[in-house]
Amino acid sequence: MYKRSDGSNKLNSFDCTILVDDIDEVISAIKANGGTIRPWEGKEKWEMKGLGWFSRTTDTEGDVFGLLQATEWQPK
C-alpha cells in the first residue's frame, strides 16, 4: 500500500492499469458512475506509440488507475 496522491495528477507510484476493449466506452461509464478522468495535456486519453490508447482515472474513493486500449501491442 502507498499513500494516495495529493490530487496534483503527479504519478507517485505504480498505478494498476486495466486492459479494455473500448476506452471511450469505459471513460463514459466511469464518468457516469461518479469517477473522474485525469487529463494529461488537456486530453482524456492519449496515444502511446506502439502500444495503444491510455487514460488515467480516479474512482469515487480517490483511487487512481489506468486504462489501456491496445492497438499494435497485443497480450499473449
PDB file of N, CA and C in Angstrom:
ATOM      1  N   MET A   1       0.847  -1.173   0.000  1.00  0.00           N
ATOM      2  CA  MET A   1       0.000   0.000   0.000  1.00  0.00           C
ATOM      3  C   MET A   1       0.893   1.236   0.000  1.00  0.00           C
ATOM      4  N   TYR A   2       0.367   2.294  -0.558  1.00  0.00           N
ATOM      5  CA  TYR A   2       1.080   3.557  -0.587  1.00  0.00           C
ATOM      6  C   TYR A   2       0.100   4.678  -0.304  1.00  0.00           C
ATOM      7  N   LYS A   3       0.652   5.815   0.059  1.00  0.00           N
ATOM      8  CA  LYS A   3      -0.208   6.961   0.327  1.00  0.00           C
ATOM      9  C   LYS A   3      -0.841   7.435  -0.970  1.00  0.00           C
ATOM     10  N   ARG A   4      -2.080   7.850  -0.875  1.00  0.00           N
ATOM     11  CA  ARG A   4      -2.773   8.383  -2.041  1.00  0.00           C
ATOM     12  C   ARG A   4      -2.120   9.678  -2.486  1.00  0.00           C
ATOM     13  N   SER A   5      -2.273   9.966  -3.749  1.00  0.00           N
ATOM     14  CA  SER A   5      -1.749  11.194  -4.329  1.00  0.00           C
ATOM     15  C   SER A   5      -2.398  12.402  -3.660  1.00  0.00           C
ATOM     16  N   ASP A   6      -1.696  13.512  -3.701  1.00  0.00           N
ATOM     17  CA  ASP A   6      -2.248  14.745  -3.142  1.00  0.00           C
ATOM     18  C   ASP A   6      -3.237  15.417  -4.088  1.00  0.00           C
ATOM     19  N   GLY A   7      -3.548  14.755  -5.213  1.00  0.00           N
ATOM     20  CA  GLY A   7      -4.508  15.301  -6.158  1.00  0.00           C
ATOM     21  C   GLY A   7      -3.883  16.147  -7.249  1.00  0.00           C
ATOM     22  N   SER A   8      -2.563  16.240  -7.257  1.00  0.00           N
ATOM     23  CA  SER A   8      -1.882  17.099  -8.228  1.00  0.00           C
ATOM     24  C   SER A   8      -1.719  16.454  -9.594  1.00  0.00           C
ATOM     25  N   ASN A   9      -2.169  15.216  -9.749  1.00  0.00           N
ATOM     26  CA  ASN A   9      -2.073  14.474 -11.007  1.00  0.00           C
ATOM     27  C   ASN A   9      -0.656  13.986 -11.278  1.00  0.00           C
ATOM     28  N   LYS A  10       0.248  14.115 -10.306  1.00  0.00           N
ATOM     29  CA  LYS A  10       1.599  13.587 -10.457  1.00  0.00           C
ATOM     30  C   LYS A  10       1.585  12.108 -10.091  1.00  0.00           C
ATOM     31  N   LEU A  11       2.302  11.323 -10.860  1.00  0.00           N
ATOM     32  CA  LEU A  11       2.403   9.899 -10.580  1.00  0.00           C
ATOM     33  C   LEU A  11       3.372   9.713  -9.422  1.00  0.00           C
ATOM     34  N   ASN A  12       2.922   9.102  -8.320  1.00  0.00           N
ATOM     35  CA  ASN A  12       3.802   8.913  -7.174  1.00  0.00           C
ATOM     36  C   ASN A  12       4.104   7.445  -6.911  1.00  0.00           C
ATOM     37  N   SER A  13       3.611   6.564  -7.746  1.00  0.00           N
ATOM     38  CA  SER A  13       3.869   5.134  -7.595  1.00  0.00           C
ATOM     39  C   SER A  13       3.299   4.431  -8.822  1.00  0.00           C
ATOM     40  N   PHE A  14       3.404   3.125  -8.845  1.00  0.00           N
ATOM     41  CA  PHE A  14       2.828   2.349  -9.941  1.00  0.00           C
ATOM     42  C   PHE A  14       1.311   2.373  -9.835  1.00  0.00           C
ATOM     43  N   ASP A  15       0.656   2.680 -10.915  1.00  0.00           N
ATOM     44  CA  ASP A  15      -0.805   2.616 -10.970  1.00  0.00           C
ATOM     45  C   ASP A  15      -1.220   1.332 -11.668  1.00  0.00           C
ATOM     46  N   CYS A  16      -2.191   0.662 -11.127  1.00  0.00           N
ATOM     47  CA  CYS A  16      -2.772  -0.504 -11.780  1.00  0.00           C
ATOM     48  C   CYS A  16      -3.375  -0.044 -13.104  1.00  0.00           C
ATOM     49  N   THR A  17      -3.121  -0.794 -14.168  1.00  0.00           N
ATOM     50  CA  THR A  17      -3.673  -0.459 -15.480  1.00  0.00           C
ATOM     51  C   THR A  17      -4.517  -1.621 -15.978  1.00  0.00           C
ATOM     52  N   ILE A  18      -5.710  -1.316 -16.438  1.00  0.00           N
ATOM     53  CA  ILE A  18      -6.668  -2.327 -16.877  1.00  0.00           C
ATOM     54  C   ILE A  18      -6.758  -2.302 -18.398  1.00  0.00           C
ATOM     55  N   LEU A  19      -6.616  -3.468 -19.023  1.00  0.00           N
ATOM     56  CA  LEU A  19      -6.753  -3.595 -20.468  1.00  0.00           C
ATOM     57  C   LEU A  19      -8.241  -3.610 -20.814  1.00  0.00           C
ATOM     58  N   VAL A  20      -8.661  -2.706 -21.707  1.00  0.00           N
ATOM     59  CA  VAL A  20     -10.074  -2.597 -22.088  1.00  0.00           C
ATOM     60  C   VAL A  20     -10.211  -2.709 -23.604  1.00  0.00           C
ATOM     61  N   ASP A  21     -11.391  -3.117 -24.058  1.00  0.00           N
ATOM     62  CA  ASP A  21     -11.655  -3.230 -25.493  1.00  0.00           C
ATOM     63  C   ASP A  21     -12.005  -1.888 -26.129  1.00  0.00           C
ATOM     64  N   ASP A  22     -12.725  -1.038 -25.390  1.00  0.00           N
ATOM     65  CA  ASP A  22     -13.185   0.246 -25.931  1.00  0.00           C
ATOM     66  C   ASP A  22     -12.986   1.325 -24.871  1.00  0.00           C
ATOM     67  N   ILE A  23     -11.894   2.050 -24.955  1.00  0.00           N
ATOM     68  CA  ILE A  23     -11.548   3.027 -23.922  1.00  0.00           C
ATOM     69  C   ILE A  23     -12.578   4.149 -23.823  1.00  0.00           C
ATOM     70  N   ASP A  24     -13.159   4.560 -24.948  1.00  0.00           N
ATOM     71  CA  ASP A  24     -14.167   5.629 -24.912  1.00  0.00           C
ATOM     72  C   ASP A  24     -15.410   5.192 -24.136  1.00  0.00           C
ATOM     73  N   GLU A  25     -15.824   3.957 -24.334  1.00  0.00           N
ATOM     74  CA  GLU A  25     -16.985   3.421 -23.616  1.00  0.00           C
ATOM     75  C   GLU A  25     -16.704   3.350 -22.117  1.00  0.00           C
ATOM     76  N   VAL A  26     -15.511   2.925 -21.750  1.00  0.00           N
ATOM     77  CA  VAL A  26     -15.162   2.805 -20.329  1.00  0.00           C
ATOM     78  C   VAL A  26     -15.039   4.186 -19.689  1.00  0.00           C
ATOM     79  N   ILE A  27     -14.441   5.144 -20.387  1.00  0.00           N
ATOM     80  CA  ILE A  27     -14.356   6.515 -19.869  1.00  0.00           C
ATOM     81  C   ILE A  27     -15.757   7.069 -19.608  1.00  0.00           C
ATOM     82  N   SER A  28     -16.671   6.857 -20.525  1.00  0.00           N
ATOM     83  CA  SER A  28     -18.056   7.320 -20.345  1.00  0.00           C
ATOM     84  C   SER A  28     -18.703   6.665 -19.134  1.00  0.00           C
ATOM     85  N   ALA A  29     -18.489   5.367 -18.955  1.00  0.00           N
ATOM     86  CA  ALA A  29     -19.069   4.648 -17.814  1.00  0.00           C
ATOM     87  C   ALA A  29     -18.485   5.143 -16.498  1.00  0.00           C
ATOM     88  N   ILE A  30     -17.191   5.413 -16.471  1.00  0.00           N
ATOM     89  CA  ILE A  30     -16.557   5.921 -15.250  1.00  0.00           C
ATOM     90  C   ILE A  30     -17.166   7.266 -14.867  1.00  0.00           C
ATOM     91  N   LYS A  31     -17.286   8.172 -15.830  1.00  0.00           N
ATOM     92  CA  LYS A  31     -17.862   9.490 -15.544  1.00  0.00           C
ATOM     93  C   LYS A  31     -19.327   9.380 -15.138  1.00  0.00           C
ATOM     94  N   ALA A  32     -20.074   8.481 -15.759  1.00  0.00           N
ATOM     95  CA  ALA A  32     -21.498   8.309 -15.441  1.00  0.00           C
ATOM     96  C   ALA A  32     -21.716   7.761 -14.038  1.00  0.00           C
ATOM     97  N   ASN A  33     -20.695   7.096 -13.486  1.00  0.00           N
ATOM     98  CA  ASN A  33     -20.832   6.485 -12.165  1.00  0.00           C
ATOM     99  C   ASN A  33     -20.053   7.221 -11.081  1.00  0.00           C
ATOM    100  N   GLY A  34     -19.678   8.481 -11.344  1.00  0.00           N
ATOM    101  CA  GLY A  34     -19.072   9.318 -10.314  1.00  0.00           C
ATOM    102  C   GLY A  34     -17.561   9.352 -10.292  1.00  0.00           C
ATOM    103  N   GLY A  35     -16.906   8.617 -11.167  1.00  0.00           N
ATOM    104  CA  GLY A  35     -15.450   8.674 -11.255  1.00  0.00           C
ATOM    105  C   GLY A  35     -15.027   9.877 -12.085  1.00  0.00           C
ATOM    106  N   THR A  36     -13.736  10.145 -12.106  1.00  0.00           N
ATOM    107  CA  THR A  36     -13.220  11.261 -12.889  1.00  0.00           C
ATOM    108  C   THR A  36     -12.061  10.795 -13.765  1.00  0.00           C
ATOM    109  N   ILE A  37     -11.818  11.559 -14.804  1.00  0.00           N
ATOM    110  CA  ILE A  37     -10.707  11.309 -15.704  1.00  0.00           C
ATOM    111  C   ILE A  37      -9.621  12.326 -15.366  1.00  0.00           C
ATOM    112  N   ARG A  38      -8.373  11.868 -15.341  1.00  0.00           N
ATOM    113  CA  ARG A  38      -7.248  12.741 -15.007  1.00  0.00           C
ATOM    114  C   ARG A  38      -6.546  13.138 -16.310  1.00  0.00           C
ATOM    115  N   PRO A  39      -6.938  14.256 -16.916  1.00  0.00           N
ATOM    116  CA  PRO A  39      -6.383  14.635 -18.217  1.00  0.00           C
ATOM    117  C   PRO A  39      -4.869  14.831 -18.175  1.00  0.00           C
ATOM    118  N   TRP A  40      -4.254  14.563 -19.296  1.00  0.00           N
ATOM    119  CA  TRP A  40      -2.831  14.822 -19.487  1.00  0.00           C
ATOM    120  C   TRP A  40      -2.713  15.723 -20.699  1.00  0.00           C
ATOM    121  N   GLU A  41      -2.101  16.882 -20.519  1.00  0.00           N
ATOM    122  CA  GLU A  41      -2.003  17.886 -21.581  1.00  0.00           C
ATOM    123  C   GLU A  41      -3.376  18.192 -22.176  1.00  0.00           C
ATOM    124  N   GLY A  42      -4.399  18.228 -21.312  1.00  0.00           N
ATOM    125  CA  GLY A  42      -5.747  18.586 -21.722  1.00  0.00           C
ATOM    126  C   GLY A  42      -6.549  17.485 -22.396  1.00  0.00           C
ATOM    127  N   LYS A  43      -6.005  16.279 -22.446  1.00  0.00           N
ATOM    128  CA  LYS A  43      -6.688  15.183 -23.142  1.00  0.00           C
ATOM    129  C   LYS A  43      -7.132  14.103 -22.159  1.00  0.00           C
ATOM    130  N   GLU A  44      -8.343  13.565 -22.379  1.00  0.00           N
ATOM    131  CA  GLU A  44      -8.846  12.472 -21.546  1.00  0.00           C
ATOM    132  C   GLU A  44      -8.133  11.161 -21.846  1.00  0.00           C
ATOM    133  N   LYS A  45      -7.665  11.005 -23.064  1.00  0.00           N
ATOM    134  CA  LYS A  45      -6.908   9.813 -23.457  1.00  0.00           C
ATOM    135  C   LYS A  45      -5.801  10.267 -24.396  1.00  0.00           C
ATOM    136  N   TRP A  46      -4.737   9.522 -24.444  1.00  0.00           N
ATOM    137  CA  TRP A  46      -3.637   9.863 -25.333  1.00  0.00           C
ATOM    138  C   TRP A  46      -3.022   8.583 -25.869  1.00  0.00           C
ATOM    139  N   GLU A  47      -2.403   8.724 -27.037  1.00  0.00           N
ATOM    140  CA  GLU A  47      -1.831   7.558 -27.696  1.00  0.00           C
ATOM    141  C   GLU A  47      -0.400   7.338 -27.227  1.00  0.00           C
ATOM    142  N   MET A  48      -0.102   6.098 -26.882  1.00  0.00           N
ATOM    143  CA  MET A  48       1.260   5.685 -26.565  1.00  0.00           C
ATOM    144  C   MET A  48       1.724   4.875 -27.776  1.00  0.00           C
ATOM    145  N   LYS A  49       2.589   5.472 -28.583  1.00  0.00           N
ATOM    146  CA  LYS A  49       3.018   4.858 -29.846  1.00  0.00           C
ATOM    147  C   LYS A  49       3.501   3.427 -29.636  1.00  0.00           C
ATOM    148  N   GLY A  50       3.018   2.538 -30.483  1.00  0.00           N
ATOM    149  CA  GLY A  50       3.412   1.136 -30.424  1.00  0.00           C
ATOM    150  C   GLY A  50       2.687   0.336 -29.363  1.00  0.00           C
ATOM    151  N   LEU A  51       1.813   0.984 -28.607  1.00  0.00           N
ATOM    152  CA  LEU A  51       1.112   0.307 -27.523  1.00  0.00           C
ATOM    153  C   LEU A  51      -0.397   0.455 -27.655  1.00  0.00           C
ATOM    154  N   GLY A  52      -0.891   1.694 -27.583  1.00  0.00           N
ATOM    155  CA  GLY A  52      -2.327   1.904 -27.690  1.00  0.00           C
ATOM    156  C   GLY A  52      -2.759   3.207 -27.052  1.00  0.00           C
ATOM    157  N   TRP A  53      -4.039   3.294 -26.709  1.00  0.00           N
ATOM    158  CA  TRP A  53      -4.631   4.472 -26.082  1.00  0.00           C
ATOM    159  C   TRP A  53      -4.637   4.283 -24.574  1.00  0.00           C
ATOM    160  N   PHE A  54      -4.286   5.343 -23.848  1.00  0.00           N
ATOM    161  CA  PHE A  54      -4.146   5.274 -22.401  1.00  0.00           C
ATOM    162  C   PHE A  54      -4.913   6.414 -21.755  1.00  0.00           C
ATOM    163  N   SER A  55      -5.422   6.158 -20.555  1.00  0.00           N
ATOM    164  CA  SER A  55      -6.093   7.185 -19.766  1.00  0.00           C
ATOM    165  C   SER A  55      -5.850   6.893 -18.292  1.00  0.00           C
ATOM    166  N   ARG A  56      -5.772   7.947 -17.479  1.00  0.00           N
ATOM    167  CA  ARG A  56      -5.673   7.783 -16.022  1.00  0.00           C
ATOM    168  C   ARG A  56      -6.983   8.262 -15.423  1.00  0.00           C
ATOM    169  N   THR A  57      -7.493   7.498 -14.478  1.00  0.00           N
ATOM    170  CA  THR A  57      -8.799   7.784 -13.904  1.00  0.00           C
ATOM    171  C   THR A  57      -8.742   7.724 -12.384  1.00  0.00           C
ATOM    172  N   THR A  58      -9.781   8.258 -11.758  1.00  0.00           N
ATOM    173  CA  THR A  58      -9.918   8.200 -10.308  1.00  0.00           C
ATOM    174  C   THR A  58     -11.317   7.701  -9.990  1.00  0.00           C
ATOM    175  N   ASP A  59     -11.398   6.716  -9.089  1.00  0.00           N
ATOM    176  CA  ASP A  59     -12.721   6.209  -8.719  1.00  0.00           C
ATOM    177  C   ASP A  59     -13.349   7.097  -7.652  1.00  0.00           C
ATOM    178  N   THR A  60     -14.523   6.728  -7.183  1.00  0.00           N
ATOM    179  CA  THR A  60     -15.263   7.560  -6.224  1.00  0.00           C
ATOM    180  C   THR A  60     -14.602   7.628  -4.853  1.00  0.00           C
ATOM    181  N   GLU A  61     -13.622   6.762  -4.589  1.00  0.00           N
ATOM    182  CA  GLU A  61     -12.906   6.783  -3.311  1.00  0.00           C
ATOM    183  C   GLU A  61     -11.534   7.439  -3.428  1.00  0.00           C
ATOM    184  N   GLY A  62     -11.220   7.965  -4.612  1.00  0.00           N
ATOM    185  CA  GLY A  62      -9.947   8.650  -4.811  1.00  0.00           C
ATOM    186  C   GLY A  62      -8.804   7.768  -5.283  1.00  0.00           C
ATOM    187  N   ASP A  63      -9.092   6.494  -5.560  1.00  0.00           N
ATOM    188  CA  ASP A  63      -8.056   5.588  -6.041  1.00  0.00           C
ATOM    189  C   ASP A  63      -7.799   5.838  -7.525  1.00  0.00           C
ATOM    190  N   VAL A  64      -6.527   5.866  -7.907  1.00  0.00           N
ATOM    191  CA  VAL A  64      -6.134   6.135  -9.288  1.00  0.00           C
ATOM    192  C   VAL A  64      -5.821   4.823  -9.993  1.00  0.00           C
ATOM    193  N   PHE A  65      -6.273   4.706 -11.235  1.00  0.00           N
ATOM    194  CA  PHE A  65      -5.918   3.542 -12.047  1.00  0.00           C
ATOM    195  C   PHE A  65      -5.899   3.951 -13.510  1.00  0.00           C
ATOM    196  N   GLY A  66      -5.201   3.164 -14.311  1.00  0.00           N
ATOM    197  CA  GLY A  66      -5.083   3.458 -15.727  1.00  0.00           C
ATOM    198  C   GLY A  66      -5.955   2.549 -16.567  1.00  0.00           C
ATOM    199  N   LEU A  67      -6.223   3.007 -17.785  1.00  0.00           N
ATOM    200  CA  LEU A  67      -6.941   2.214 -18.785  1.00  0.00           C
ATOM    201  C   LEU A  67      -6.048   2.126 -20.014  1.00  0.00           C
ATOM    202  N   LEU A  68      -6.020   0.971 -20.649  1.00  0.00           N
ATOM    203  CA  LEU A  68      -5.260   0.798 -21.878  1.00  0.00           C
ATOM    204  C   LEU A  68      -6.105   0.062 -22.898  1.00  0.00           C
ATOM    205  N   GLN A  69      -6.273   0.678 -24.060  1.00  0.00           N
ATOM    206  CA  GLN A  69      -6.880   0.004 -25.207  1.00  0.00           C
ATOM    207  C   GLN A  69      -5.735  -0.258 -26.171  1.00  0.00           C
ATOM    208  N   ALA A  70      -5.317  -1.513 -26.257  1.00  0.00           N
ATOM    209  CA  ALA A  70      -4.175  -1.866 -27.101  1.00  0.00           C
ATOM    210  C   ALA A  70      -4.520  -1.692 -28.572  1.00  0.00           C
ATOM    211  N   THR A  71      -3.562  -1.206 -29.338  1.00  0.00           N
ATOM    212  CA  THR A  71      -3.726  -1.106 -30.787  1.00  0.00           C
ATOM    213  C   THR A  71      -2.724  -2.046 -31.452  1.00  0.00           C
ATOM    214  N   GLU A  72      -1.455  -1.672 -31.445  1.00  0.00           N
ATOM    215  CA  GLU A  72      -0.434  -2.515 -32.072  1.00  0.00           C
ATOM    216  C   GLU A  72      -0.012  -3.669 -31.165  1.00  0.00           C
ATOM    217  N   TRP A  73       0.189  -3.378 -29.894  1.00  0.00           N
ATOM    218  CA  TRP A  73       0.614  -4.394 -28.938  1.00  0.00           C
ATOM    219  C   TRP A  73      -0.573  -5.266 -28.574  1.00  0.00           C
ATOM    220  N   GLN A  74      -0.364  -6.545 -28.446  1.00  0.00           N
ATOM    221  CA  GLN A  74      -1.426  -7.461 -28.030  1.00  0.00           C
ATOM    222  C   GLN A  74      -0.892  -8.393 -26.947  1.00  0.00           C
ATOM    223  N   PRO A  75      -1.669  -8.625 -25.887  1.00  0.00           N
ATOM    224  CA  PRO A  75      -1.212  -9.537 -24.832  1.00  0.00           C
ATOM    225  C   PRO A  75      -1.099 -10.954 -25.372  1.00  0.00           C
ATOM    226  N   LYS A  76      -0.192 -11.718 -24.779  1.00  0.00           N
ATOM    227  CA  LYS A  76      -0.002 -13.118 -25.206  1.00  0.00           C
ATOM    228  C   LYS A  76      -0.683 -14.065 -24.258  1.00  0.00           C
TER     229      LYS A  76
END
